[in-house]
Amino acid sequence: SCAASGRTLRSVTMGWFRQAPGKEREFVAVDSW
């Protein structure tokens, strides 16, 4: 879960990324606005 505060998520693109030890951050999934 990714809970947001401070502004609504209705009008933004939200993504999930991951980073394993010794590796670069990589894209996982996105729900785009």
Full PDB file with SEQRES, HELIX, SHEET, SSBOND, CRYST1, ORIGX, SCALE, CONECT and MASTER records, all heavy atoms in Angstrom:
SEQRES   1 A   33  SER CYS ALA ALA SER GLY ARG THR LEU ARG SER VAL THR          
SEQRES   2 A   33  MET GLY TRP PHE ARG GLN ALA PRO GLY LYS GLU ARG GLU          
SEQRES   3 A   33  PHE VAL ALA VAL ASP SER TRP                                  
SHEET    1 AA1 2 MET A  14  ARG A  18  0                                        
SHEET    2 AA1 2 GLU A  26  ASP A  31 -1                                        
CRYST1    1.000    1.000    1.000  90.00  90.00  90.00 P 1           1          
ORIGX1      1.000000  0.000000  0.000000        0.00000                         
ORIGX2      0.000000  1.000000  0.000000        0.00000                         
ORIGX3      0.000000  0.000000  1.000000        0.00000                         
SCALE1      1.000000  0.000000  0.000000        0.00000                         
SCALE2      0.000000  1.000000  0.000000        0.00000                         
SCALE3      0.000000  0.000000  1.000000        0.00000                         
ATOM      1  N   SER A   1       0.838  -1.187   0.000  1.00  0.00           N  
ATOM      2  CA  SER A   1       0.000   0.000   0.000  1.00  0.00           C  
ATOM      3  C   SER A   1       0.879   1.246   0.000  1.00  0.00           C  
ATOM      4  O   SER A   1       1.963   1.249   0.588  1.00  0.00           O  
ATOM      5  CB  SER A   1      -0.908   0.029   1.225  1.00  0.00           C  
ATOM      6  OG  SER A   1      -1.774  -1.078   1.252  1.00  0.00           O  
ATOM      7  N   CYS A   2       0.382   2.277  -0.627  1.00  0.00           N  
ATOM      8  CA  CYS A   2       1.060   3.572  -0.655  1.00  0.00           C  
ATOM      9  C   CYS A   2       0.016   4.623  -0.306  1.00  0.00           C  
ATOM     10  O   CYS A   2      -0.819   4.966  -1.141  1.00  0.00           O  
ATOM     11  CB  CYS A   2       1.661   3.821  -2.024  1.00  0.00           C  
ATOM     12  SG  CYS A   2       2.360   5.477  -2.256  1.00  0.00           S  
ATOM     13  N   ALA A   3       0.062   5.082   0.929  1.00  0.00           N  
ATOM     14  CA  ALA A   3      -0.912   6.067   1.398  1.00  0.00           C  
ATOM     15  C   ALA A   3      -0.350   7.471   1.218  1.00  0.00           C  
ATOM     16  O   ALA A   3       0.797   7.744   1.576  1.00  0.00           O  
ATOM     17  CB  ALA A   3      -1.230   5.814   2.866  1.00  0.00           C  
ATOM     18  N   ALA A   4      -1.191   8.332   0.684  1.00  0.00           N  
ATOM     19  CA  ALA A   4      -0.757   9.697   0.397  1.00  0.00           C  
ATOM     20  C   ALA A   4      -1.448  10.698   1.313  1.00  0.00           C  
ATOM     21  O   ALA A   4      -2.607  10.525   1.674  1.00  0.00           O  
ATOM     22  CB  ALA A   4      -1.056  10.043  -1.050  1.00  0.00           C  
ATOM     23  N   SER A   5      -0.721  11.725   1.646  1.00  0.00           N  
ATOM     24  CA  SER A   5      -1.286  12.847   2.392  1.00  0.00           C  
ATOM     25  C   SER A   5      -0.735  14.138   1.807  1.00  0.00           C  
ATOM     26  O   SER A   5       0.306  14.140   1.165  1.00  0.00           O  
ATOM     27  CB  SER A   5      -0.948  12.751   3.876  1.00  0.00           C  
ATOM     28  OG  SER A   5       0.449  12.788   4.062  1.00  0.00           O  
ATOM     29  N   GLY A   6      -1.458  15.209   2.019  1.00  0.00           N  
ATOM     30  CA  GLY A   6      -0.986  16.498   1.540  1.00  0.00           C  
ATOM     31  C   GLY A   6      -1.652  16.955   0.257  1.00  0.00           C  
ATOM     32  O   GLY A   6      -1.753  18.150   0.001  1.00  0.00           O  
ATOM     33  N   ARG A   7      -2.061  15.995  -0.573  1.00  0.00           N  
ATOM     34  CA  ARG A   7      -2.812  16.349  -1.763  1.00  0.00           C  
ATOM     35  C   ARG A   7      -3.462  15.077  -2.286  1.00  0.00           C  
ATOM     36  O   ARG A   7      -3.048  13.969  -1.959  1.00  0.00           O  
ATOM     37  CB  ARG A   7      -1.938  16.971  -2.850  1.00  0.00           C  
ATOM     38  CG  ARG A   7      -0.865  16.077  -3.418  1.00  0.00           C  
ATOM     39  CD  ARG A   7      -0.217  16.701  -4.643  1.00  0.00           C  
ATOM     40  NE  ARG A   7      -1.146  16.763  -5.764  1.00  0.00           N  
ATOM     41  CZ  ARG A   7      -0.853  17.316  -6.924  1.00  0.00           C  
ATOM     42  NH1 ARG A   7       0.322  17.895  -7.109  1.00  0.00           N  
ATOM     43  NH2 ARG A   7      -1.728  17.331  -7.912  1.00  0.00           N  
ATOM     44  N   THR A   8      -4.449  15.269  -3.125  1.00  0.00           N  
ATOM     45  CA  THR A   8      -5.134  14.125  -3.691  1.00  0.00           C  
ATOM     46  C   THR A   8      -4.282  13.457  -4.771  1.00  0.00           C  
ATOM     47  O   THR A   8      -3.479  14.113  -5.447  1.00  0.00           O  
ATOM     48  CB  THR A   8      -6.475  14.556  -4.306  1.00  0.00           C  
ATOM     49  OG1 THR A   8      -7.099  13.414  -4.889  1.00  0.00           O  
ATOM     50  CG2 THR A   8      -6.269  15.619  -5.378  1.00  0.00           C  
ATOM     51  N   LEU A   9      -4.480  12.142  -4.886  1.00  0.00           N  
ATOM     52  CA  LEU A   9      -3.788  11.394  -5.928  1.00  0.00           C  
ATOM     53  C   LEU A   9      -4.578  11.336  -7.227  1.00  0.00           C  
ATOM     54  O   LEU A   9      -4.131  10.744  -8.201  1.00  0.00           O  
ATOM     55  CB  LEU A   9      -3.515   9.965  -5.449  1.00  0.00           C  
ATOM     56  CG  LEU A   9      -2.563   9.801  -4.275  1.00  0.00           C  
ATOM     57  CD1 LEU A   9      -2.356   8.319  -3.991  1.00  0.00           C  
ATOM     58  CD2 LEU A   9      -1.240  10.484  -4.544  1.00  0.00           C  
ATOM     59  N   ARG A  10      -5.755  11.967  -7.224  1.00  0.00           N  
ATOM     60  CA  ARG A  10      -6.642  11.856  -8.382  1.00  0.00           C  
ATOM     61  C   ARG A  10      -6.003  12.360  -9.670  1.00  0.00           C  
ATOM     62  O   ARG A  10      -6.287  11.860 -10.750  1.00  0.00           O  
ATOM     63  CB  ARG A  10      -7.936  12.631  -8.130  1.00  0.00           C  
ATOM     64  CG  ARG A  10      -8.813  12.047  -7.053  1.00  0.00           C  
ATOM     65  CD  ARG A  10     -10.062  12.900  -6.847  1.00  0.00           C  
ATOM     66  NE  ARG A  10     -10.857  12.418  -5.726  1.00  0.00           N  
ATOM     67  CZ  ARG A  10     -11.797  11.503  -5.832  1.00  0.00           C  
ATOM     68  NH1 ARG A  10     -12.065  10.975  -7.017  1.00  0.00           N  
ATOM     69  NH2 ARG A  10     -12.471  11.117  -4.775  1.00  0.00           N  
ATOM     70  N   SER A  11      -5.149  13.362  -9.554  1.00  0.00           N  
ATOM     71  CA  SER A  11      -4.623  14.009 -10.758  1.00  0.00           C  
ATOM     72  C   SER A  11      -3.120  13.835 -10.907  1.00  0.00           C  
ATOM     73  O   SER A  11      -2.439  14.700 -11.453  1.00  0.00           O  
ATOM     74  CB  SER A  11      -4.983  15.498 -10.756  1.00  0.00           C  
ATOM     75  OG  SER A  11      -4.457  16.115  -9.598  1.00  0.00           O  
ATOM     76  N   VAL A  12      -2.609  12.720 -10.409  1.00  0.00           N  
ATOM     77  CA  VAL A  12      -1.184  12.448 -10.577  1.00  0.00           C  
ATOM     78  C   VAL A  12      -0.991  11.027 -11.083  1.00  0.00           C  
ATOM     79  O   VAL A  12      -1.839  10.166 -10.889  1.00  0.00           O  
ATOM     80  CB  VAL A  12      -0.389  12.637  -9.267  1.00  0.00           C  
ATOM     81  CG1 VAL A  12      -0.455  14.076  -8.793  1.00  0.00           C  
ATOM     82  CG2 VAL A  12      -0.869  11.697  -8.190  1.00  0.00           C  
ATOM     83  N   THR A  13       0.129  10.822 -11.721  1.00  0.00           N  
ATOM     84  CA  THR A  13       0.547   9.484 -12.115  1.00  0.00           C  
ATOM     85  C   THR A  13       1.280   8.843 -10.948  1.00  0.00           C  
ATOM     86  O   THR A  13       2.121   9.476 -10.307  1.00  0.00           O  
ATOM     87  CB  THR A  13       1.472   9.572 -13.350  1.00  0.00           C  
ATOM     88  OG1 THR A  13       0.685   9.895 -14.503  1.00  0.00           O  
ATOM     89  CG2 THR A  13       2.200   8.265 -13.602  1.00  0.00           C  
ATOM     90  N   MET A  14       0.937   7.592 -10.656  1.00  0.00           N  
ATOM     91  CA  MET A  14       1.536   6.881  -9.537  1.00  0.00           C  
ATOM     92  C   MET A  14       2.287   5.655 -10.038  1.00  0.00           C  
ATOM     93  O   MET A  14       1.744   4.857 -10.798  1.00  0.00           O  
ATOM     94  CB  MET A  14       0.463   6.449  -8.552  1.00  0.00           C  
ATOM     95  CG  MET A  14      -0.207   7.609  -7.830  1.00  0.00           C  
ATOM     96  SD  MET A  14       0.946   8.574  -6.854  1.00  0.00           S  
ATOM     97  CE  MET A  14       1.565   7.342  -5.697  1.00  0.00           C  
ATOM     98  N   GLY A  15       3.506   5.529  -9.578  1.00  0.00           N  
ATOM     99  CA  GLY A  15       4.325   4.399 -10.009  1.00  0.00           C  
ATOM    100  C   GLY A  15       4.913   3.644  -8.830  1.00  0.00           C  
ATOM    101  O   GLY A  15       5.018   4.164  -7.722  1.00  0.00           O  
ATOM    102  N   TRP A  16       5.257   2.398  -9.089  1.00  0.00           N  
ATOM    103  CA  TRP A  16       6.012   1.568  -8.151  1.00  0.00           C  
ATOM    104  C   TRP A  16       7.354   1.229  -8.793  1.00  0.00           C  
ATOM    105  O   TRP A  16       7.406   0.850  -9.972  1.00  0.00           O  
ATOM    106  CB  TRP A  16       5.265   0.279  -7.822  1.00  0.00           C  
ATOM    107  CG  TRP A  16       4.110   0.439  -6.888  1.00  0.00           C  
ATOM    108  CD1 TRP A  16       2.792   0.569  -7.211  1.00  0.00           C  
ATOM    109  CD2 TRP A  16       4.179   0.449  -5.458  1.00  0.00           C  
ATOM    110  NE1 TRP A  16       2.033   0.682  -6.073  1.00  0.00           N  
ATOM    111  CE2 TRP A  16       2.857   0.603  -4.972  1.00  0.00           C  
ATOM    112  CE3 TRP A  16       5.209   0.356  -4.525  1.00  0.00           C  
ATOM    113  CZ2 TRP A  16       2.534   0.666  -3.617  1.00  0.00           C  
ATOM    114  CZ3 TRP A  16       4.902   0.412  -3.179  1.00  0.00           C  
ATOM    115  CH2 TRP A  16       3.584   0.563  -2.737  1.00  0.00           C  
ATOM    116  N   PHE A  17       8.386   1.363  -7.998  1.00  0.00           N  
ATOM    117  CA  PHE A  17       9.732   1.022  -8.427  1.00  0.00           C  
ATOM    118  C   PHE A  17      10.363   0.140  -7.370  1.00  0.00           C  
ATOM    119  O   PHE A  17       9.897   0.088  -6.237  1.00  0.00           O  
ATOM    120  CB  PHE A  17      10.570   2.297  -8.612  1.00  0.00           C  
ATOM    121  CG  PHE A  17      10.102   3.170  -9.746  1.00  0.00           C  
ATOM    122  CD1 PHE A  17       9.014   4.015  -9.586  1.00  0.00           C  
ATOM    123  CD2 PHE A  17      10.732   3.136 -10.977  1.00  0.00           C  
ATOM    124  CE1 PHE A  17       8.566   4.818 -10.636  1.00  0.00           C  
ATOM    125  CE2 PHE A  17      10.299   3.926 -12.033  1.00  0.00           C  
ATOM    126  CZ  PHE A  17       9.211   4.758 -11.855  1.00  0.00           C  
ATOM    127  N   ARG A  18      11.421  -0.546  -7.723  1.00  0.00           N  
ATOM    128  CA  ARG A  18      12.117  -1.376  -6.744  1.00  0.00           C  
ATOM    129  C   ARG A  18      13.618  -1.297  -6.965  1.00  0.00           C  
ATOM    130  O   ARG A  18      14.084  -1.008  -8.067  1.00  0.00           O  
ATOM    131  CB  ARG A  18      11.631  -2.822  -6.817  1.00  0.00           C  
ATOM    132  CG  ARG A  18      11.987  -3.558  -8.106  1.00  0.00           C  
ATOM    133  CD  ARG A  18      11.309  -4.923  -8.136  1.00  0.00           C  
ATOM    134  NE  ARG A  18      11.658  -5.677  -9.342  1.00  0.00           N  
ATOM    135  CZ  ARG A  18      11.134  -6.843  -9.663  1.00  0.00           C  
ATOM    136  NH1 ARG A  18      10.186  -7.392  -8.886  1.00  0.00           N  
ATOM    137  NH2 ARG A  18      11.516  -7.480 -10.758  1.00  0.00           N  
ATOM    138  N   GLN A  19      14.328  -1.558  -5.895  1.00  0.00           N  
ATOM    139  CA  GLN A  19      15.783  -1.548  -5.975  1.00  0.00           C  
ATOM    140  C   GLN A  19      16.333  -2.647  -5.090  1.00  0.00           C  
ATOM    141  O   GLN A  19      16.067  -2.675  -3.883  1.00  0.00           O  
ATOM    142  CB  GLN A  19      16.352  -0.196  -5.559  1.00  0.00           C  
ATOM    143  CG  GLN A  19      17.845  -0.078  -5.779  1.00  0.00           C  
ATOM    144  CD  GLN A  19      18.335   1.345  -5.648  1.00  0.00           C  
ATOM    145  OE1 GLN A  19      17.679   2.199  -5.057  1.00  0.00           O  
ATOM    146  NE2 GLN A  19      19.509   1.632  -6.226  1.00  0.00           N  
ATOM    147  N   ALA A  20      17.053  -3.557  -5.699  1.00  0.00           N  
ATOM    148  CA  ALA A  20      17.716  -4.631  -4.978  1.00  0.00           C  
ATOM    149  C   ALA A  20      19.140  -4.195  -4.639  1.00  0.00           C  
ATOM    150  O   ALA A  20      19.705  -3.323  -5.319  1.00  0.00           O  
ATOM    151  CB  ALA A  20      17.738  -5.893  -5.825  1.00  0.00           C  
ATOM    152  N   PRO A  21      19.737  -4.795  -3.609  1.00  0.00           N  
ATOM    153  CA  PRO A  21      21.109  -4.411  -3.227  1.00  0.00           C  
ATOM    154  C   PRO A  21      22.083  -4.563  -4.398  1.00  0.00           C  
ATOM    155  O   PRO A  21      22.097  -5.588  -5.084  1.00  0.00           O  
ATOM    156  CB  PRO A  21      21.429  -5.402  -2.102  1.00  0.00           C  
ATOM    157  CG  PRO A  21      20.108  -5.753  -1.521  1.00  0.00           C  
ATOM    158  CD  PRO A  21      19.163  -5.778  -2.683  1.00  0.00           C  
ATOM    159  N   GLY A  22      22.863  -3.525  -4.630  1.00  0.00           N  
ATOM    160  CA  GLY A  22      23.846  -3.563  -5.700  1.00  0.00           C  
ATOM    161  C   GLY A  22      23.298  -3.359  -7.091  1.00  0.00           C  
ATOM    162  O   GLY A  22      24.048  -3.445  -8.070  1.00  0.00           O  
ATOM    163  N   LYS A  23      22.006  -3.098  -7.183  1.00  0.00           N  
ATOM    164  CA  LYS A  23      21.392  -2.906  -8.497  1.00  0.00           C  
ATOM    165  C   LYS A  23      20.758  -1.522  -8.586  1.00  0.00           C  
ATOM    166  O   LYS A  23      20.475  -0.881  -7.576  1.00  0.00           O  
ATOM    167  CB  LYS A  23      20.345  -3.987  -8.767  1.00  0.00           C  
ATOM    168  CG  LYS A  23      20.916  -5.389  -8.857  1.00  0.00           C  
ATOM    169  CD  LYS A  23      19.850  -6.376  -9.294  1.00  0.00           C  
ATOM    170  CE  LYS A  23      20.438  -7.773  -9.442  1.00  0.00           C  
ATOM    171  NZ  LYS A  23      19.410  -8.758  -9.896  1.00  0.00           N  
ATOM    172  N   GLU A  24      20.503  -1.108  -9.819  1.00  0.00           N  
ATOM    173  CA  GLU A  24      19.849   0.178 -10.024  1.00  0.00           C  
ATOM    174  C   GLU A  24      18.348   0.059  -9.761  1.00  0.00           C  
ATOM    175  O   GLU A  24      17.766  -1.035  -9.852  1.00  0.00           O  
ATOM    176  CB  GLU A  24      20.093   0.658 -11.458  1.00  0.00           C  
ATOM    177  CG  GLU A  24      21.540   1.021 -11.740  1.00  0.00           C  
ATOM    178  CD  GLU A  24      21.712   1.655 -13.103  1.00  0.00           C  
ATOM    179  OE1 GLU A  24      20.729   1.746 -13.852  1.00  0.00           O  
ATOM    180  OE2 GLU A  24      22.839   2.071 -13.408  1.00  0.00           O  
ATOM    181  N   ARG A  25      17.760   1.191  -9.476  1.00  0.00           N  
ATOM    182  CA  ARG A  25      16.311   1.231  -9.316  1.00  0.00           C  
ATOM    183  C   ARG A  25      15.655   0.864 -10.638  1.00  0.00           C  
ATOM    184  O   ARG A  25      16.085   1.317 -11.707  1.00  0.00           O  
ATOM    185  CB  ARG A  25      15.884   2.632  -8.897  1.00  0.00           C  
ATOM    186  CG  ARG A  25      14.379   2.839  -8.785  1.00  0.00           C  
ATOM    187  CD  ARG A  25      14.099   4.269  -8.407  1.00  0.00           C  
ATOM    188  NE  ARG A  25      14.391   4.528  -7.007  1.00  0.00           N  
ATOM    189  CZ  ARG A  25      14.512   5.753  -6.502  1.00  0.00           C  
ATOM    190  NH1 ARG A  25      14.395   6.814  -7.278  1.00  0.00           N  
ATOM    191  NH2 ARG A  25      14.757   5.917  -5.232  1.00  0.00           N  
ATOM    192  N   GLU A  26      14.606   0.046 -10.570  1.00  0.00           N  
ATOM    193  CA  GLU A  26      13.919  -0.352 -11.794  1.00  0.00           C  
ATOM    194  C   GLU A  26      12.423  -0.155 -11.669  1.00  0.00           C  
ATOM    195  O   GLU A  26      11.837  -0.272 -10.589  1.00  0.00           O  
ATOM    196  CB  GLU A  26      14.233  -1.813 -12.139  1.00  0.00           C  
ATOM    197  CG  GLU A  26      13.682  -2.842 -11.177  1.00  0.00           C  
ATOM    198  CD  GLU A  26      13.856  -4.273 -11.696  1.00  0.00           C  
ATOM    199  OE1 GLU A  26      14.205  -4.461 -12.879  1.00  0.00           O  
ATOM    200  OE2 GLU A  26      13.610  -5.200 -10.907  1.00  0.00           O  
ATOM    201  N   PHE A  27      11.840   0.120 -12.799  1.00  0.00           N  
ATOM    202  CA  PHE A  27      10.399   0.308 -12.900  1.00  0.00           C  
ATOM    203  C   PHE A  27       9.683  -1.007 -12.660  1.00  0.00           C  
ATOM    204  O   PHE A  27      10.136  -2.068 -13.122  1.00  0.00           O  
ATOM    205  CB  PHE A  27      10.059   0.859 -14.278  1.00  0.00           C  
ATOM    206  CG  PHE A  27       8.624   0.737 -14.656  1.00  0.00           C  
ATOM    207  CD1 PHE A  27       7.668   1.561 -14.091  1.00  0.00           C  
ATOM    208  CD2 PHE A  27       8.213  -0.230 -15.556  1.00  0.00           C  
ATOM    209  CE1 PHE A  27       6.338   1.432 -14.433  1.00  0.00           C  
ATOM    210  CE2 PHE A  27       6.887  -0.364 -15.902  1.00  0.00           C  
ATOM    211  CZ  PHE A  27       5.942   0.472 -15.339  1.00  0.00           C  
ATOM    212  N   VAL A  28       8.540  -0.934 -11.964  1.00  0.00           N  
ATOM    213  CA  VAL A  28       7.712  -2.117 -11.735  1.00  0.00           C  
ATOM    214  C   VAL A  28       6.332  -1.959 -12.382  1.00  0.00           C  
ATOM    215  O   VAL A  28       5.921  -2.780 -13.201  1.00  0.00           O  
ATOM    216  CB  VAL A  28       7.543  -2.401 -10.232  1.00  0.00           C  
ATOM    217  CG1 VAL A  28       6.602  -3.571 -10.012  1.00  0.00           C  
ATOM    218  CG2 VAL A  28       8.893  -2.653  -9.571  1.00  0.00           C  
ATOM    219  N   ALA A  29       5.615  -0.901 -12.002  1.00  0.00           N  
ATOM    220  CA  ALA A  29       4.252  -0.707 -12.500  1.00  0.00           C  
ATOM    221  C   ALA A  29       3.864   0.754 -12.358  1.00  0.00           C  
ATOM    222  O   ALA A  29       4.396   1.468 -11.506  1.00  0.00           O  
ATOM    223  CB  ALA A  29       3.263  -1.592 -11.736  1.00  0.00           C  
ATOM    224  N   VAL A  30       2.916   1.178 -13.187  1.00  0.00           N  
ATOM    225  CA  VAL A  30       2.442   2.558 -13.120  1.00  0.00           C  
ATOM    226  C   VAL A  30       0.974   2.629 -13.464  1.00  0.00           C  
ATOM    227  O   VAL A  30       0.484   1.875 -14.313  1.00  0.00           O  
ATOM    228  CB  VAL A  30       3.268   3.481 -14.056  1.00  0.00           C  
ATOM    229  CG1 VAL A  30       3.148   3.046 -15.500  1.00  0.00           C  
ATOM    230  CG2 VAL A  30       2.847   4.937 -13.899  1.00  0.00           C  
ATOM    231  N   ASP A  31       0.280   3.523 -12.781  1.00  0.00           N  
ATOM    232  CA  ASP A  31      -1.113   3.863 -13.071  1.00  0.00           C  
ATOM    233  C   ASP A  31      -1.080   5.333 -13.456  1.00  0.00           C  
ATOM    234  O   ASP A  31      -0.861   6.197 -12.606  1.00  0.00           O  
ATOM    235  CB  ASP A  31      -1.989   3.638 -11.837  1.00  0.00           C  
ATOM    236  CG  ASP A  31      -3.455   3.922 -12.116  1.00  0.00           C  
ATOM    237  OD1 ASP A  31      -3.756   4.878 -12.857  1.00  0.00           O  
ATOM    238  OD2 ASP A  31      -4.311   3.197 -11.577  1.00  0.00           O  
ATOM    239  N   SER A  32      -1.253   5.613 -14.739  1.00  0.00           N  
ATOM    240  CA  SER A  32      -0.977   6.967 -15.212  1.00  0.00           C  
ATOM    241  C   SER A  32      -2.227   7.828 -15.285  1.00  0.00           C  
ATOM    242  O   SER A  32      -3.328   7.344 -15.545  1.00  0.00           O  
ATOM    243  CB  SER A  32      -0.302   6.901 -16.585  1.00  0.00           C  
ATOM    244  OG  SER A  32      -1.143   6.269 -17.524  1.00  0.00           O  
ATOM    245  N   TRP A  33      -2.019   9.093 -15.032  1.00  0.00           N  
ATOM    246  CA  TRP A  33      -3.058  10.105 -15.168  1.00  0.00           C  
ATOM    247  C   TRP A  33      -3.003  10.663 -16.568  1.00  0.00           C  
ATOM    248  O   TRP A  33      -1.902  10.769 -17.135  1.00  0.00           O  
ATOM    249  CB  TRP A  33      -2.809  11.223 -14.146  1.00  0.00           C  
ATOM    250  CG  TRP A  33      -3.855  12.284 -14.133  1.00  0.00           C  
ATOM    251  CD1 TRP A  33      -5.041  12.266 -13.459  1.00  0.00           C  
ATOM    252  CD2 TRP A  33      -3.833  13.519 -14.833  1.00  0.00           C  
ATOM    253  NE1 TRP A  33      -5.741  13.419 -13.694  1.00  0.00           N  
ATOM    254  CE2 TRP A  33      -5.026  14.208 -14.536  1.00  0.00           C  
ATOM    255  CE3 TRP A  33      -2.910  14.113 -15.684  1.00  0.00           C  
ATOM    256  CZ2 TRP A  33      -5.312  15.457 -15.051  1.00  0.00           C  
ATOM    257  CZ3 TRP A  33      -3.193  15.362 -16.209  1.00  0.00           C  
ATOM    258  CH2 TRP A  33      -4.385  16.010 -15.890  1.00  0.00           C  
TER     259      TRP A  33                                                      
MASTER        0    0    0    0    2    0    0    6  258    1    0    3          
END                                                                             
